[in-house]
């Protein structure tokens, strides 16, 4: 069942949590699919797919709205942003488009986690 748009817009913390969770899960799926099936470095995939593993660590805290998880996960995702920029610059074809998607998802995750942490800090109600 889809939420009405006004329900998400009325609660910015909920919108930020949804954006963070969606972009994190999307980034995890993208990293796995990229390195296993879509455009792997070696045919049949490689151990580079293990780069997705750290993205699984913050999922419980993000889904439960733990501020501390939002804080440290916002720094974790910068490595994926950097990889996306490097691969978008150096690769061509499918990998370049996948790198662009990695950049986009990491930016959405970073922005939503930083905004959530800022809005939930002590004394932020105002």
PDB file of N, CA and C in Angstrom:
ATOM      1  N   UNK A   1       0.848  -1.175   0.000  1.00  0.00           N
ATOM      2  CA  UNK A   1       0.000   0.000   0.000  1.00  0.00           C
ATOM      3  C   UNK A   1       0.896   1.241   0.000  1.00  0.00           C
ATOM      4  N   UNK A   2       0.687   2.110  -0.948  1.00  0.00           N
ATOM      5  CA  UNK A   2       1.506   3.322  -1.067  1.00  0.00           C
ATOM      6  C   UNK A   2       1.024   4.389  -0.098  1.00  0.00           C
ATOM      7  N   UNK A   3       1.986   5.135   0.408  1.00  0.00           N
ATOM      8  CA  UNK A   3       1.651   6.256   1.288  1.00  0.00           C
ATOM      9  C   UNK A   3       1.219   7.448   0.451  1.00  0.00           C
ATOM     10  N   UNK A   4       0.217   8.178   0.915  1.00  0.00           N
ATOM     11  CA  UNK A   4      -0.126   9.409   0.209  1.00  0.00           C
ATOM     12  C   UNK A   4       1.055  10.378   0.269  1.00  0.00           C
ATOM     13  N   UNK A   5       1.233  11.155  -0.772  1.00  0.00           N
ATOM     14  CA  UNK A   5       2.356  12.088  -0.845  1.00  0.00           C
ATOM     15  C   UNK A   5       2.332  13.058   0.331  1.00  0.00           C
ATOM     16  N   UNK A   6       1.161  13.529   0.709  1.00  0.00           N
ATOM     17  CA  UNK A   6       1.079  14.497   1.807  1.00  0.00           C
ATOM     18  C   UNK A   6       1.507  13.894   3.138  1.00  0.00           C
ATOM     19  N   UNK A   7       1.365  12.562   3.308  1.00  0.00           N
ATOM     20  CA  UNK A   7       1.782  11.921   4.561  1.00  0.00           C
ATOM     21  C   UNK A   7       3.303  11.962   4.701  1.00  0.00           C
ATOM     22  N   UNK A   8       4.025  11.748   3.617  1.00  0.00           N
ATOM     23  CA  UNK A   8       5.485  11.794   3.661  1.00  0.00           C
ATOM     24  C   UNK A   8       5.952  13.235   3.785  1.00  0.00           C
ATOM     25  N   UNK A   9       5.328  14.138   3.048  1.00  0.00           N
ATOM     26  CA  UNK A   9       5.724  15.549   3.088  1.00  0.00           C
ATOM     27  C   UNK A   9       5.457  16.170   4.448  1.00  0.00           C
ATOM     28  N   UNK A  10       4.459  15.676   5.168  1.00  0.00           N
ATOM     29  CA  UNK A  10       4.123  16.229   6.479  1.00  0.00           C
ATOM     30  C   UNK A  10       5.125  15.795   7.547  1.00  0.00           C
ATOM     31  N   UNK A  11       5.858  14.754   7.302  1.00  0.00           N
ATOM     32  CA  UNK A  11       6.820  14.239   8.275  1.00  0.00           C
ATOM     33  C   UNK A  11       8.195  14.144   7.610  1.00  0.00           C
ATOM     34  N   UNK A  12       9.005  15.193   7.719  1.00  0.00           N
ATOM     35  CA  UNK A  12      10.302  15.178   7.038  1.00  0.00           C
ATOM     36  C   UNK A  12      11.238  14.077   7.533  1.00  0.00           C
ATOM     37  N   UNK A  13      11.155  13.702   8.802  1.00  0.00           N
ATOM     38  CA  UNK A  13      12.013  12.622   9.306  1.00  0.00           C
ATOM     39  C   UNK A  13      11.666  11.302   8.632  1.00  0.00           C
ATOM     40  N   UNK A  14      10.391  11.058   8.436  1.00  0.00           N
ATOM     41  CA  UNK A  14       9.961   9.838   7.744  1.00  0.00           C
ATOM     42  C   UNK A  14      10.452   9.843   6.305  1.00  0.00           C
ATOM     43  N   UNK A  15      10.346  10.979   5.652  1.00  0.00           N
ATOM     44  CA  UNK A  15      10.818  11.091   4.266  1.00  0.00           C
ATOM     45  C   UNK A  15      12.321  10.851   4.188  1.00  0.00           C
ATOM     46  N   UNK A  16      13.078  11.383   5.134  1.00  0.00           N
ATOM     47  CA  UNK A  16      14.523  11.182   5.141  1.00  0.00           C
ATOM     48  C   UNK A  16      14.879   9.725   5.426  1.00  0.00           C
ATOM     49  N   UNK A  17      14.148   9.094   6.321  1.00  0.00           N
ATOM     50  CA  UNK A  17      14.391   7.680   6.612  1.00  0.00           C
ATOM     51  C   UNK A  17      14.097   6.812   5.399  1.00  0.00           C
ATOM     52  N   UNK A  18      13.016   7.119   4.688  1.00  0.00           N
ATOM     53  CA  UNK A  18      12.677   6.370   3.474  1.00  0.00           C
ATOM     54  C   UNK A  18      13.733   6.580   2.391  1.00  0.00           C
ATOM     55  N   UNK A  19      14.182   7.816   2.226  1.00  0.00           N
ATOM     56  CA  UNK A  19      15.215   8.111   1.228  1.00  0.00           C
ATOM     57  C   UNK A  19      16.520   7.404   1.572  1.00  0.00           C
ATOM     58  N   UNK A  20      16.896   7.433   2.837  1.00  0.00           N
ATOM     59  CA  UNK A  20      18.133   6.782   3.258  1.00  0.00           C
ATOM     60  C   UNK A  20      18.046   5.270   3.071  1.00  0.00           C
ATOM     61  N   UNK A  21      16.968   4.677   3.531  1.00  0.00           N
ATOM     62  CA  UNK A  21      16.822   3.222   3.414  1.00  0.00           C
ATOM     63  C   UNK A  21      16.754   2.791   1.950  1.00  0.00           C
ATOM     64  N   UNK A  22      15.980   3.501   1.156  1.00  0.00           N
ATOM     65  CA  UNK A  22      15.849   3.147  -0.259  1.00  0.00           C
ATOM     66  C   UNK A  22      17.155   3.270  -1.016  1.00  0.00           C
ATOM     67  N   UNK A  23      17.872   4.362  -0.783  1.00  0.00           N
ATOM     68  CA  UNK A  23      19.136   4.554  -1.503  1.00  0.00           C
ATOM     69  C   UNK A  23      20.212   3.583  -1.010  1.00  0.00           C
ATOM     70  N   UNK A  24      20.220   3.249   0.275  1.00  0.00           N
ATOM     71  CA  UNK A  24      21.187   2.290   0.803  1.00  0.00           C
ATOM     72  C   UNK A  24      20.949   0.902   0.222  1.00  0.00           C
ATOM     73  N   UNK A  25      19.728   0.459   0.246  1.00  0.00           N
ATOM     74  CA  UNK A  25      19.403  -0.857  -0.303  1.00  0.00           C
ATOM     75  C   UNK A  25      19.639  -0.872  -1.815  1.00  0.00           C
ATOM     76  N   UNK A  26      19.276   0.213  -2.484  1.00  0.00           N
ATOM     77  CA  UNK A  26      19.539   0.321  -3.916  1.00  0.00           C
ATOM     78  C   UNK A  26      21.023   0.252  -4.229  1.00  0.00           C
ATOM     79  N   UNK A  27      21.832   0.920  -3.423  1.00  0.00           N
ATOM     80  CA  UNK A  27      23.285   0.907  -3.621  1.00  0.00           C
ATOM     81  C   UNK A  27      23.858  -0.490  -3.381  1.00  0.00           C
ATOM     82  N   UNK A  28      23.372  -1.171  -2.374  1.00  0.00           N
ATOM     83  CA  UNK A  28      23.826  -2.528  -2.096  1.00  0.00           C
ATOM     84  C   UNK A  28      23.493  -3.455  -3.262  1.00  0.00           C
ATOM     85  N   UNK A  29      22.264  -3.393  -3.752  1.00  0.00           N
ATOM     86  CA  UNK A  29      21.843  -4.232  -4.880  1.00  0.00           C
ATOM     87  C   UNK A  29      22.637  -3.873  -6.137  1.00  0.00           C
ATOM     88  N   UNK A  30      22.833  -2.583  -6.372  1.00  0.00           N
ATOM     89  CA  UNK A  30      23.602  -2.143  -7.541  1.00  0.00           C
ATOM     90  C   UNK A  30      25.028  -2.692  -7.494  1.00  0.00           C
ATOM     91  N   UNK A  31      25.697  -2.582  -6.350  1.00  0.00           N
ATOM     92  CA  UNK A  31      27.079  -3.056  -6.233  1.00  0.00           C
ATOM     93  C   UNK A  31      27.175  -4.555  -6.488  1.00  0.00           C
ATOM     94  N   UNK A  32      26.257  -5.315  -5.937  1.00  0.00           N
ATOM     95  CA  UNK A  32      26.266  -6.761  -6.164  1.00  0.00           C
ATOM     96  C   UNK A  32      25.997  -7.102  -7.625  1.00  0.00           C
ATOM     97  N   UNK A  33      24.950  -6.517  -8.173  1.00  0.00           N
ATOM     98  CA  UNK A  33      24.578  -6.816  -9.564  1.00  0.00           C
ATOM     99  C   UNK A  33      25.668  -6.376 -10.536  1.00  0.00           C
ATOM    100  N   UNK A  34      26.257  -5.234 -10.287  1.00  0.00           N
ATOM    101  CA  UNK A  34      27.316  -4.706 -11.152  1.00  0.00           C
ATOM    102  C   UNK A  34      28.482  -5.681 -11.228  1.00  0.00           C
ATOM    103  N   UNK A  35      28.965  -6.122 -10.080  1.00  0.00           N
ATOM    104  CA  UNK A  35      30.165  -6.947 -10.048  1.00  0.00           C
ATOM    105  C   UNK A  35      29.908  -8.428 -10.291  1.00  0.00           C
ATOM    106  N   UNK A  36      28.649  -8.857 -10.233  1.00  0.00           N
ATOM    107  CA  UNK A  36      28.354 -10.274 -10.470  1.00  0.00           C
ATOM    108  C   UNK A  36      27.786 -10.540 -11.869  1.00  0.00           C
ATOM    109  N   UNK A  37      26.922  -9.636 -12.382  1.00  0.00           N
ATOM    110  CA  UNK A  37      26.215  -9.935 -13.627  1.00  0.00           C
ATOM    111  C   UNK A  37      26.260  -8.828 -14.674  1.00  0.00           C
ATOM    112  N   UNK A  38      26.068  -7.596 -14.277  1.00  0.00           N
ATOM    113  CA  UNK A  38      25.875  -6.524 -15.253  1.00  0.00           C
ATOM    114  C   UNK A  38      27.142  -6.145 -16.020  1.00  0.00           C
ATOM    115  N   UNK A  39      28.237  -5.897 -15.315  1.00  0.00           N
ATOM    116  CA  UNK A  39      29.500  -5.526 -15.964  1.00  0.00           C
ATOM    117  C   UNK A  39      30.670  -5.887 -15.051  1.00  0.00           C
ATOM    118  N   UNK A  40      30.832  -7.182 -14.761  1.00  0.00           N
ATOM    119  CA  UNK A  40      31.902  -7.586 -13.839  1.00  0.00           C
ATOM    120  C   UNK A  40      33.288  -7.345 -14.438  1.00  0.00           C
ATOM    121  N   UNK A  41      34.274  -7.189 -13.561  1.00  0.00           N
ATOM    122  CA  UNK A  41      35.648  -7.031 -14.017  1.00  0.00           C
ATOM    123  C   UNK A  41      36.125  -8.285 -14.737  1.00  0.00           C
ATOM    124  N   UNK A  42      35.677  -9.453 -14.275  1.00  0.00           N
ATOM    125  CA  UNK A  42      35.984 -10.725 -14.919  1.00  0.00           C
ATOM    126  C   UNK A  42      34.674 -11.425 -15.250  1.00  0.00           C
ATOM    127  N   UNK A  43      34.622 -12.138 -16.370  1.00  0.00           N
ATOM    128  CA  UNK A  43      33.394 -12.889 -16.689  1.00  0.00           C
ATOM    129  C   UNK A  43      33.016 -13.839 -15.551  1.00  0.00           C
ATOM    130  N   UNK A  44      31.756 -13.839 -15.186  1.00  0.00           N
ATOM    131  CA  UNK A  44      31.285 -14.692 -14.108  1.00  0.00           C
ATOM    132  C   UNK A  44      31.358 -14.059 -12.730  1.00  0.00           C
ATOM    133  N   UNK A  45      31.843 -12.821 -12.663  1.00  0.00           N
ATOM    134  CA  UNK A  45      31.924 -12.131 -11.380  1.00  0.00           C
ATOM    135  C   UNK A  45      33.280 -12.314 -10.726  1.00  0.00           C
ATOM    136  N   UNK A  46      33.491 -11.591  -9.659  1.00  0.00           N
ATOM    137  CA  UNK A  46      34.759 -11.663  -8.945  1.00  0.00           C
ATOM    138  C   UNK A  46      34.545 -11.309  -7.480  1.00  0.00           C
ATOM    139  N   UNK A  47      35.610 -11.389  -6.734  1.00  0.00           N
ATOM    140  CA  UNK A  47      35.543 -11.052  -5.315  1.00  0.00           C
ATOM    141  C   UNK A  47      35.317  -9.558  -5.079  1.00  0.00           C
ATOM    142  N   UNK A  48      35.387  -8.767  -6.132  1.00  0.00           N
ATOM    143  CA  UNK A  48      35.118  -7.333  -5.995  1.00  0.00           C
ATOM    144  C   UNK A  48      33.674  -7.121  -5.513  1.00  0.00           C
ATOM    145  N   UNK A  49      32.811  -8.102  -5.734  1.00  0.00           N
ATOM    146  CA  UNK A  49      31.423  -8.005  -5.261  1.00  0.00           C
ATOM    147  C   UNK A  49      31.357  -7.882  -3.740  1.00  0.00           C
ATOM    148  N   UNK A  50      32.410  -8.275  -3.049  1.00  0.00           N
ATOM    149  CA  UNK A  50      32.435  -8.151  -1.591  1.00  0.00           C
ATOM    150  C   UNK A  50      32.420  -6.690  -1.141  1.00  0.00           C
ATOM    151  N   UNK A  51      32.636  -5.767  -2.071  1.00  0.00           N
ATOM    152  CA  UNK A  51      32.574  -4.345  -1.711  1.00  0.00           C
ATOM    153  C   UNK A  51      31.179  -3.957  -1.214  1.00  0.00           C
ATOM    154  N   UNK A  52      30.182  -4.768  -1.544  1.00  0.00           N
ATOM    155  CA  UNK A  52      28.812  -4.485  -1.104  1.00  0.00           C
ATOM    156  C   UNK A  52      28.591  -4.855   0.357  1.00  0.00           C
ATOM    157  N   UNK A  53      29.428  -5.700   0.897  1.00  0.00           N
ATOM    158  CA  UNK A  53      29.247  -6.192   2.267  1.00  0.00           C
ATOM    159  C   UNK A  53      29.172  -5.086   3.323  1.00  0.00           C
ATOM    160  N   UNK A  54      30.057  -4.081   3.309  1.00  0.00           N
ATOM    161  CA  UNK A  54      29.938  -3.024   4.324  1.00  0.00           C
ATOM    162  C   UNK A  54      28.608  -2.265   4.277  1.00  0.00           C
ATOM    163  N   UNK A  55      27.955  -2.267   3.125  1.00  0.00           N
ATOM    164  CA  UNK A  55      26.669  -1.569   3.021  1.00  0.00           C
ATOM    165  C   UNK A  55      25.566  -2.273   3.806  1.00  0.00           C
ATOM    166  N   UNK A  56      25.746  -3.540   4.094  1.00  0.00           N
ATOM    167  CA  UNK A  56      24.746  -4.274   4.874  1.00  0.00           C
ATOM    168  C   UNK A  56      24.812  -3.924   6.357  1.00  0.00           C
ATOM    169  N   UNK A  57      25.954  -3.478   6.824  1.00  0.00           N
ATOM    170  CA  UNK A  57      26.130  -3.207   8.257  1.00  0.00           C
ATOM    171  C   UNK A  57      25.172  -2.135   8.808  1.00  0.00           C
ATOM    172  N   UNK A  58      24.967  -1.006   8.116  1.00  0.00           N
ATOM    173  CA  UNK A  58      24.091   0.010   8.702  1.00  0.00           C
ATOM    174  C   UNK A  58      22.596  -0.217   8.483  1.00  0.00           C
ATOM    175  N   UNK A  59      22.205  -1.235   7.747  1.00  0.00           N
ATOM    176  CA  UNK A  59      20.776  -1.411   7.432  1.00  0.00           C
ATOM    177  C   UNK A  59      19.893  -1.460   8.676  1.00  0.00           C
ATOM    178  N   UNK A  60      20.197  -2.263   9.697  1.00  0.00           N
ATOM    179  CA  UNK A  60      19.307  -2.279  10.872  1.00  0.00           C
ATOM    180  C   UNK A  60      19.173  -0.909  11.543  1.00  0.00           C
ATOM    181  N   UNK A  61      20.272  -0.211  11.714  1.00  0.00           N
ATOM    182  CA  UNK A  61      20.223   1.099  12.352  1.00  0.00           C
ATOM    183  C   UNK A  61      19.497   2.137  11.516  1.00  0.00           C
ATOM    184  N   UNK A  62      19.653   2.064  10.209  1.00  0.00           N
ATOM    185  CA  UNK A  62      18.947   3.001   9.318  1.00  0.00           C
ATOM    186  C   UNK A  62      17.450   2.735   9.390  1.00  0.00           C
ATOM    187  N   UNK A  63      17.065   1.471   9.319  1.00  0.00           N
ATOM    188  CA  UNK A  63      15.639   1.133   9.371  1.00  0.00           C
ATOM    189  C   UNK A  63      15.013   1.484  10.721  1.00  0.00           C
ATOM    190  N   UNK A  64      15.798   1.434  11.800  1.00  0.00           N
ATOM    191  CA  UNK A  64      15.277   1.758  13.130  1.00  0.00           C
ATOM    192  C   UNK A  64      15.459   3.221  13.516  1.00  0.00           C
ATOM    193  N   UNK A  65      16.033   4.016  12.637  1.00  0.00           N
ATOM    194  CA  UNK A  65      16.172   5.445  12.896  1.00  0.00           C
ATOM    195  C   UNK A  65      17.200   5.808  13.947  1.00  0.00           C
ATOM    196  N   UNK A  66      18.244   5.007  14.092  1.00  0.00           N
ATOM    197  CA  UNK A  66      19.286   5.303  15.084  1.00  0.00           C
ATOM    198  C   UNK A  66      20.208   6.404  14.569  1.00  0.00           C
ATOM    199  N   UNK A  67      20.208   7.504  15.246  1.00  0.00           N
ATOM    200  CA  UNK A  67      20.966   8.678  14.818  1.00  0.00           C
ATOM    201  C   UNK A  67      22.442   8.383  14.643  1.00  0.00           C
ATOM    202  N   UNK A  68      23.042   7.640  15.550  1.00  0.00           N
ATOM    203  CA  UNK A  68      24.465   7.323  15.471  1.00  0.00           C
ATOM    204  C   UNK A  68      24.786   6.565  14.175  1.00  0.00           C
ATOM    205  N   UNK A  69      23.913   5.637  13.795  1.00  0.00           N
ATOM    206  CA  UNK A  69      24.116   4.902  12.549  1.00  0.00           C
ATOM    207  C   UNK A  69      24.070   5.846  11.357  1.00  0.00           C
ATOM    208  N   UNK A  70      23.145   6.780  11.374  1.00  0.00           N
ATOM    209  CA  UNK A  70      23.067   7.765  10.286  1.00  0.00           C
ATOM    210  C   UNK A  70      24.363   8.565  10.196  1.00  0.00           C
ATOM    211  N   UNK A  71      24.946   8.872  11.338  1.00  0.00           N
ATOM    212  CA  UNK A  71      26.178   9.660  11.341  1.00  0.00           C
ATOM    213  C   UNK A  71      27.348   8.893  10.733  1.00  0.00           C
ATOM    214  N   UNK A  72      27.611   7.685  11.217  1.00  0.00           N
ATOM    215  CA  UNK A  72      28.780   6.977  10.688  1.00  0.00           C
ATOM    216  C   UNK A  72      28.544   6.440   9.287  1.00  0.00           C
ATOM    217  N   UNK A  73      27.312   6.096   8.957  1.00  0.00           N
ATOM    218  CA  UNK A  73      27.030   5.588   7.609  1.00  0.00           C
ATOM    219  C   UNK A  73      27.191   6.690   6.557  1.00  0.00           C
ATOM    220  N   UNK A  74      26.967   7.943   6.967  1.00  0.00           N
ATOM    221  CA  UNK A  74      27.163   9.043   6.016  1.00  0.00           C
ATOM    222  C   UNK A  74      28.629   9.149   5.604  1.00  0.00           C
ATOM    223  N   UNK A  75      29.539   8.746   6.478  1.00  0.00           N
ATOM    224  CA  UNK A  75      30.967   8.742   6.128  1.00  0.00           C
ATOM    225  C   UNK A  75      31.333   7.496   5.326  1.00  0.00           C
ATOM    226  N   UNK A  76      30.739   6.368   5.652  1.00  0.00           N
ATOM    227  CA  UNK A  76      30.992   5.128   4.918  1.00  0.00           C
ATOM    228  C   UNK A  76      30.670   5.281   3.440  1.00  0.00           C
ATOM    229  N   UNK A  77      29.579   5.921   3.133  1.00  0.00           N
ATOM    230  CA  UNK A  77      29.121   5.994   1.745  1.00  0.00           C
ATOM    231  C   UNK A  77      30.029   6.862   0.874  1.00  0.00           C
ATOM    232  N   UNK A  78      30.870   7.666   1.483  1.00  0.00           N
ATOM    233  CA  UNK A  78      31.775   8.503   0.689  1.00  0.00           C
ATOM    234  C   UNK A  78      32.771   7.649  -0.102  1.00  0.00           C
ATOM    235  N   UNK A  79      33.103   6.474   0.388  1.00  0.00           N
ATOM    236  CA  UNK A  79      33.981   5.574  -0.371  1.00  0.00           C
ATOM    237  C   UNK A  79      33.298   5.110  -1.661  1.00  0.00           C
ATOM    238  N   UNK A  80      32.001   4.887  -1.603  1.00  0.00           N
ATOM    239  CA  UNK A  80      31.255   4.458  -2.786  1.00  0.00           C
ATOM    240  C   UNK A  80      31.092   5.627  -3.769  1.00  0.00           C
ATOM    241  N   UNK A  81      30.927   6.811  -3.242  1.00  0.00           N
ATOM    242  CA  UNK A  81      30.892   7.997  -4.099  1.00  0.00           C
ATOM    243  C   UNK A  81      32.223   8.144  -4.843  1.00  0.00           C
ATOM    244  N   UNK A  82      33.330   8.004  -4.117  1.00  0.00           N
ATOM    245  CA  UNK A  82      34.653   8.135  -4.730  1.00  0.00           C
ATOM    246  C   UNK A  82      34.876   7.058  -5.793  1.00  0.00           C
ATOM    247  N   UNK A  83      34.463   5.829  -5.497  1.00  0.00           N
ATOM    248  CA  UNK A  83      34.598   4.766  -6.492  1.00  0.00           C
ATOM    249  C   UNK A  83      33.766   5.087  -7.727  1.00  0.00           C
ATOM    250  N   UNK A  84      32.560   5.568  -7.519  1.00  0.00           N
ATOM    251  CA  UNK A  84      31.701   5.908  -8.645  1.00  0.00           C
ATOM    252  C   UNK A  84      32.308   6.990  -9.521  1.00  0.00           C
ATOM    253  N   UNK A  85      32.875   8.011  -8.903  1.00  0.00           N
ATOM    254  CA  UNK A  85      33.511   9.088  -9.663  1.00  0.00           C
ATOM    255  C   UNK A  85      34.707   8.549 -10.447  1.00  0.00           C
ATOM    256  N   UNK A  86      35.544   7.746  -9.795  1.00  0.00           N
ATOM    257  CA  UNK A  86      36.725   7.199 -10.468  1.00  0.00           C
ATOM    258  C   UNK A  86      36.336   6.304 -11.643  1.00  0.00           C
ATOM    259  N   UNK A  87      35.333   5.470 -11.448  1.00  0.00           N
ATOM    260  CA  UNK A  87      34.946   4.546 -12.517  1.00  0.00           C
ATOM    261  C   UNK A  87      34.137   5.233 -13.602  1.00  0.00           C
ATOM    262  N   UNK A  88      33.387   6.257 -13.260  1.00  0.00           N
ATOM    263  CA  UNK A  88      32.666   7.020 -14.291  1.00  0.00           C
ATOM    264  C   UNK A  88      33.659   7.749 -15.188  1.00  0.00           C
ATOM    265  N   UNK A  89      34.754   8.180 -14.609  1.00  0.00           N
ATOM    266  CA  UNK A  89      35.787   8.903 -15.352  1.00  0.00           C
ATOM    267  C   UNK A  89      36.621   7.959 -16.217  1.00  0.00           C
ATOM    268  N   UNK A  90      36.932   6.769 -15.684  1.00  0.00           N
ATOM    269  CA  UNK A  90      37.900   5.896 -16.345  1.00  0.00           C
ATOM    270  C   UNK A  90      37.288   4.812 -17.233  1.00  0.00           C
ATOM    271  N   UNK A  91      36.036   4.479 -17.036  1.00  0.00           N
ATOM    272  CA  UNK A  91      35.438   3.377 -17.788  1.00  0.00           C
ATOM    273  C   UNK A  91      34.446   3.879 -18.813  1.00  0.00           C
ATOM    274  N   UNK A  92      34.095   3.003 -19.738  1.00  0.00           N
ATOM    275  CA  UNK A  92      33.134   3.329 -20.793  1.00  0.00           C
ATOM    276  C   UNK A  92      32.039   2.267 -20.815  1.00  0.00           C
ATOM    277  N   UNK A  93      30.992   2.562 -21.516  1.00  0.00           N
ATOM    278  CA  UNK A  93      29.916   1.589 -21.698  1.00  0.00           C
ATOM    279  C   UNK A  93      29.056   1.430 -20.464  1.00  0.00           C
ATOM    280  N   UNK A  94      28.641   0.191 -20.231  1.00  0.00           N
ATOM    281  CA  UNK A  94      27.744  -0.106 -19.109  1.00  0.00           C
ATOM    282  C   UNK A  94      28.335   0.293 -17.763  1.00  0.00           C
ATOM    283  N   UNK A  95      29.622   0.052 -17.583  1.00  0.00           N
ATOM    284  CA  UNK A  95      30.253   0.383 -16.304  1.00  0.00           C
ATOM    285  C   UNK A  95      30.177   1.873 -16.011  1.00  0.00           C
ATOM    286  N   UNK A  96      30.272   2.682 -17.039  1.00  0.00           N
ATOM    287  CA  UNK A  96      30.193   4.130 -16.834  1.00  0.00           C
ATOM    288  C   UNK A  96      28.797   4.529 -16.347  1.00  0.00           C
ATOM    289  N   UNK A  97      27.766   3.900 -16.915  1.00  0.00           N
ATOM    290  CA  UNK A  97      26.392   4.197 -16.474  1.00  0.00           C
ATOM    291  C   UNK A  97      26.129   3.660 -15.076  1.00  0.00           C
ATOM    292  N   UNK A  98      26.665   2.505 -14.784  1.00  0.00           N
ATOM    293  CA  UNK A  98      26.510   1.955 -13.437  1.00  0.00           C
ATOM    294  C   UNK A  98      27.231   2.820 -12.417  1.00  0.00           C
ATOM    295  N   UNK A  99      28.383   3.357 -12.797  1.00  0.00           N
ATOM    296  CA  UNK A  99      29.109   4.267 -11.906  1.00  0.00           C
ATOM    297  C   UNK A  99      28.304   5.535 -11.661  1.00  0.00           C
ATOM    298  N   UNK A 100      27.633   6.036 -12.695  1.00  0.00           N
ATOM    299  CA  UNK A 100      26.787   7.218 -12.526  1.00  0.00           C
ATOM    300  C   UNK A 100      25.637   6.929 -11.561  1.00  0.00           C
ATOM    301  N   UNK A 101      25.072   5.729 -11.656  1.00  0.00           N
ATOM    302  CA  UNK A 101      24.006   5.341 -10.722  1.00  0.00           C
ATOM    303  C   UNK A 101      24.554   5.236  -9.300  1.00  0.00           C
ATOM    304  N   UNK A 102      25.771   4.724  -9.157  1.00  0.00           N
ATOM    305  CA  UNK A 102      26.409   4.632  -7.839  1.00  0.00           C
ATOM    306  C   UNK A 102      26.619   6.031  -7.251  1.00  0.00           C
ATOM    307  N   UNK A 103      27.033   6.955  -8.081  1.00  0.00           N
ATOM    308  CA  UNK A 103      27.209   8.341  -7.626  1.00  0.00           C
ATOM    309  C   UNK A 103      25.872   8.906  -7.149  1.00  0.00           C
ATOM    310  N   UNK A 104      24.841   8.735  -7.948  1.00  0.00           N
ATOM    311  CA  UNK A 104      23.524   9.265  -7.590  1.00  0.00           C
ATOM    312  C   UNK A 104      22.980   8.681  -6.300  1.00  0.00           C
ATOM    313  N   UNK A 105      23.038   7.364  -6.174  1.00  0.00           N
ATOM    314  CA  UNK A 105      22.538   6.717  -4.954  1.00  0.00           C
ATOM    315  C   UNK A 105      23.347   7.121  -3.729  1.00  0.00           C
ATOM    316  N   UNK A 106      24.660   7.230  -3.886  1.00  0.00           N
ATOM    317  CA  UNK A 106      25.476   7.619  -2.735  1.00  0.00           C
ATOM    318  C   UNK A 106      25.207   9.064  -2.334  1.00  0.00           C
ATOM    319  N   UNK A 107      24.939   9.923  -3.302  1.00  0.00           N
ATOM    320  CA  UNK A 107      24.601  11.317  -2.967  1.00  0.00           C
ATOM    321  C   UNK A 107      23.259  11.422  -2.253  1.00  0.00           C
ATOM    322  N   UNK A 108      22.276  10.668  -2.712  1.00  0.00           N
ATOM    323  CA  UNK A 108      20.967  10.669  -2.037  1.00  0.00           C
ATOM    324  C   UNK A 108      21.117  10.147  -0.613  1.00  0.00           C
ATOM    325  N   UNK A 109      21.870   9.062  -0.455  1.00  0.00           N
ATOM    326  CA  UNK A 109      22.067   8.503   0.881  1.00  0.00           C
ATOM    327  C   UNK A 109      22.799   9.495   1.782  1.00  0.00           C
ATOM    328  N   UNK A 110      23.868  10.085   1.280  1.00  0.00           N
ATOM    329  CA  UNK A 110      24.639  11.036   2.074  1.00  0.00           C
ATOM    330  C   UNK A 110      23.771  12.223   2.502  1.00  0.00           C
ATOM    331  N   UNK A 111      23.060  12.813   1.557  1.00  0.00           N
ATOM    332  CA  UNK A 111      22.236  13.987   1.870  1.00  0.00           C
ATOM    333  C   UNK A 111      21.137  13.643   2.875  1.00  0.00           C
ATOM    334  N   UNK A 112      20.491  12.498   2.702  1.00  0.00           N
ATOM    335  CA  UNK A 112      19.400  12.146   3.614  1.00  0.00           C
ATOM    336  C   UNK A 112      19.914  11.789   5.003  1.00  0.00           C
ATOM    337  N   UNK A 113      21.070  11.137   5.096  1.00  0.00           N
ATOM    338  CA  UNK A 113      21.590  10.797   6.418  1.00  0.00           C
ATOM    339  C   UNK A 113      22.093  12.027   7.162  1.00  0.00           C
ATOM    340  N   UNK A 114      22.739  12.922   6.462  1.00  0.00           N
ATOM    341  CA  UNK A 114      23.222  14.154   7.105  1.00  0.00           C
ATOM    342  C   UNK A 114      22.030  14.999   7.561  1.00  0.00           C
ATOM    343  N   UNK A 115      21.016  15.111   6.715  1.00  0.00           N
ATOM    344  CA  UNK A 115      19.832  15.892   7.087  1.00  0.00           C
ATOM    345  C   UNK A 115      19.109  15.258   8.277  1.00  0.00           C
ATOM    346  N   UNK A 116      18.998  13.945   8.285  1.00  0.00           N
ATOM    347  CA  UNK A 116      18.349  13.255   9.399  1.00  0.00           C
ATOM    348  C   UNK A 116      19.131  13.481  10.698  1.00  0.00           C
ATOM    349  N   UNK A 117      20.434  13.321  10.638  1.00  0.00           N
ATOM    350  CA  UNK A 117      21.264  13.530  11.840  1.00  0.00           C
ATOM    351  C   UNK A 117      21.141  14.960  12.337  1.00  0.00           C
ATOM    352  N   UNK A 118      21.086  15.897  11.420  1.00  0.00           N
ATOM    353  CA  UNK A 118      20.964  17.310  11.816  1.00  0.00           C
ATOM    354  C   UNK A 118      19.608  17.589  12.461  1.00  0.00           C
ATOM    355  N   UNK A 119      18.549  17.047  11.882  1.00  0.00           N
ATOM    356  CA  UNK A 119      17.209  17.299  12.427  1.00  0.00           C
ATOM    357  C   UNK A 119      16.947  16.585  13.748  1.00  0.00           C
ATOM    358  N   UNK A 120      17.695  15.515  14.025  1.00  0.00           N
ATOM    359  CA  UNK A 120      17.444  14.768  15.264  1.00  0.00           C
ATOM    360  C   UNK A 120      18.437  15.082  16.371  1.00  0.00           C
ATOM    361  N   UNK A 121      19.329  16.027  16.157  1.00  0.00           N
ATOM    362  CA  UNK A 121      20.288  16.364  17.210  1.00  0.00           C
ATOM    363  C   UNK A 121      19.569  17.060  18.366  1.00  0.00           C
ATOM    364  N   UNK A 122      20.168  17.028  19.528  1.00  0.00           N
ATOM    365  CA  UNK A 122      19.585  17.666  20.705  1.00  0.00           C
ATOM    366  C   UNK A 122      19.430  19.164  20.466  1.00  0.00           C
ATOM    367  N   UNK A 123      18.264  19.670  20.753  1.00  0.00           N
ATOM    368  CA  UNK A 123      18.005  21.095  20.577  1.00  0.00           C
ATOM    369  C   UNK A 123      17.688  21.500  19.156  1.00  0.00           C
ATOM    370  N   UNK A 124      17.415  20.542  18.271  1.00  0.00           N
ATOM    371  CA  UNK A 124      17.154  20.847  16.865  1.00  0.00           C
ATOM    372  C   UNK A 124      15.695  21.241  16.620  1.00  0.00           C
ATOM    373  N   UNK A 125      14.839  21.073  17.582  1.00  0.00           N
ATOM    374  CA  UNK A 125      13.421  21.396  17.392  1.00  0.00           C
ATOM    375  C   UNK A 125      13.253  22.908  17.458  1.00  0.00           C
ATOM    376  N   UNK A 126      13.357  23.507  16.323  1.00  0.00           N
ATOM    377  CA  UNK A 126      13.170  24.958  16.380  1.00  0.00           C
ATOM    378  C   UNK A 126      13.454  25.651  15.140  1.00  0.00           C
TER     379      UNK A 126
END
